[in-house]
Amino acid sequence: MNLKRISMVALGVLSAIGGFVDIGDLVFNTQAGATFGFSLIWVVIIGVVGIIT
């Protein structure tokens, strides 16, 4: 893949993330991560699978 195509894909991924994450989510997720660490990683995995399907 050439550099232009990689940059287009990267911008698409960044835009998709921007549509799902706002400042409230970012603050809450940071606080939850500090409190629980990686013990809730299973929720992230199930959420990603749910978004993909």
Protein backbone atom coordinates (compact mmCIF):
# COMPACT_ATOMS: atom_id res chain seq x y z
CA MET A 1 0.00 0.00 0.00
CA ASN A 2 1.22 3.43 -0.77
CA LEU A 3 1.45 6.29 1.70
CA LYS A 4 -1.63 8.11 0.39
CA ARG A 5 -3.84 5.08 0.86
CA ILE A 6 -2.50 4.46 4.36
CA SER A 7 -3.18 8.08 5.31
CA MET A 8 -6.73 7.85 3.94
CA VAL A 9 -7.42 4.72 5.99
CA ALA A 10 -5.88 6.32 9.09
CA LEU A 11 -8.07 9.41 8.71
CA GLY A 12 -11.13 7.21 8.26
CA VAL A 13 -10.36 5.31 11.44
CA LEU A 14 -9.75 8.56 13.31
CA SER A 15 -13.08 9.95 12.08
CA ALA A 16 -14.90 6.78 13.11
CA ILE A 17 -13.42 6.94 16.59
CA GLY A 18 -14.35 10.61 16.84
CA GLY A 19 -17.97 9.72 16.15
CA PHE A 20 -18.13 7.33 19.11
CA VAL A 21 -15.95 9.03 21.72
CA ASP A 22 -16.77 12.40 23.23
CA ILE A 23 -15.26 14.15 26.24
CA GLY A 24 -17.64 12.52 28.73
CA ASP A 25 -16.71 9.06 27.54
CA LEU A 26 -13.04 9.92 27.65
CA VAL A 27 -13.20 11.17 31.25
CA PHE A 28 -15.36 8.27 32.45
CA ASN A 29 -13.19 5.68 30.72
CA THR A 30 -10.05 7.17 32.22
CA GLN A 31 -11.57 7.06 35.69
CA ALA A 32 -12.84 3.50 35.23
CA GLY A 33 -9.43 2.41 33.95
CA ALA A 34 -7.71 3.94 36.96
CA THR A 35 -10.13 2.24 39.31
CA PHE A 36 -10.45 -1.22 37.77
CA GLY A 37 -7.35 -1.57 35.60
CA PHE A 38 -7.64 -4.33 33.02
CA SER A 39 -10.25 -6.34 34.92
CA LEU A 40 -12.99 -4.96 32.64
CA ILE A 41 -11.20 -5.63 29.34
CA TRP A 42 -13.83 -8.28 28.52
CA VAL A 43 -16.43 -5.51 28.23
CA VAL A 44 -14.31 -3.75 25.62
CA ILE A 45 -13.91 -6.95 23.62
CA ILE A 46 -17.66 -7.66 23.64
CA GLY A 47 -18.38 -4.05 22.71
CA VAL A 48 -15.98 -4.14 19.76
CA VAL A 49 -17.50 -7.39 18.52
CA GLY A 50 -20.96 -5.84 18.85
CA ILE A 51 -19.94 -2.78 16.85
CA ILE A 52 -18.33 -4.87 14.11
CA THR A 53 -21.31 -7.19 13.68
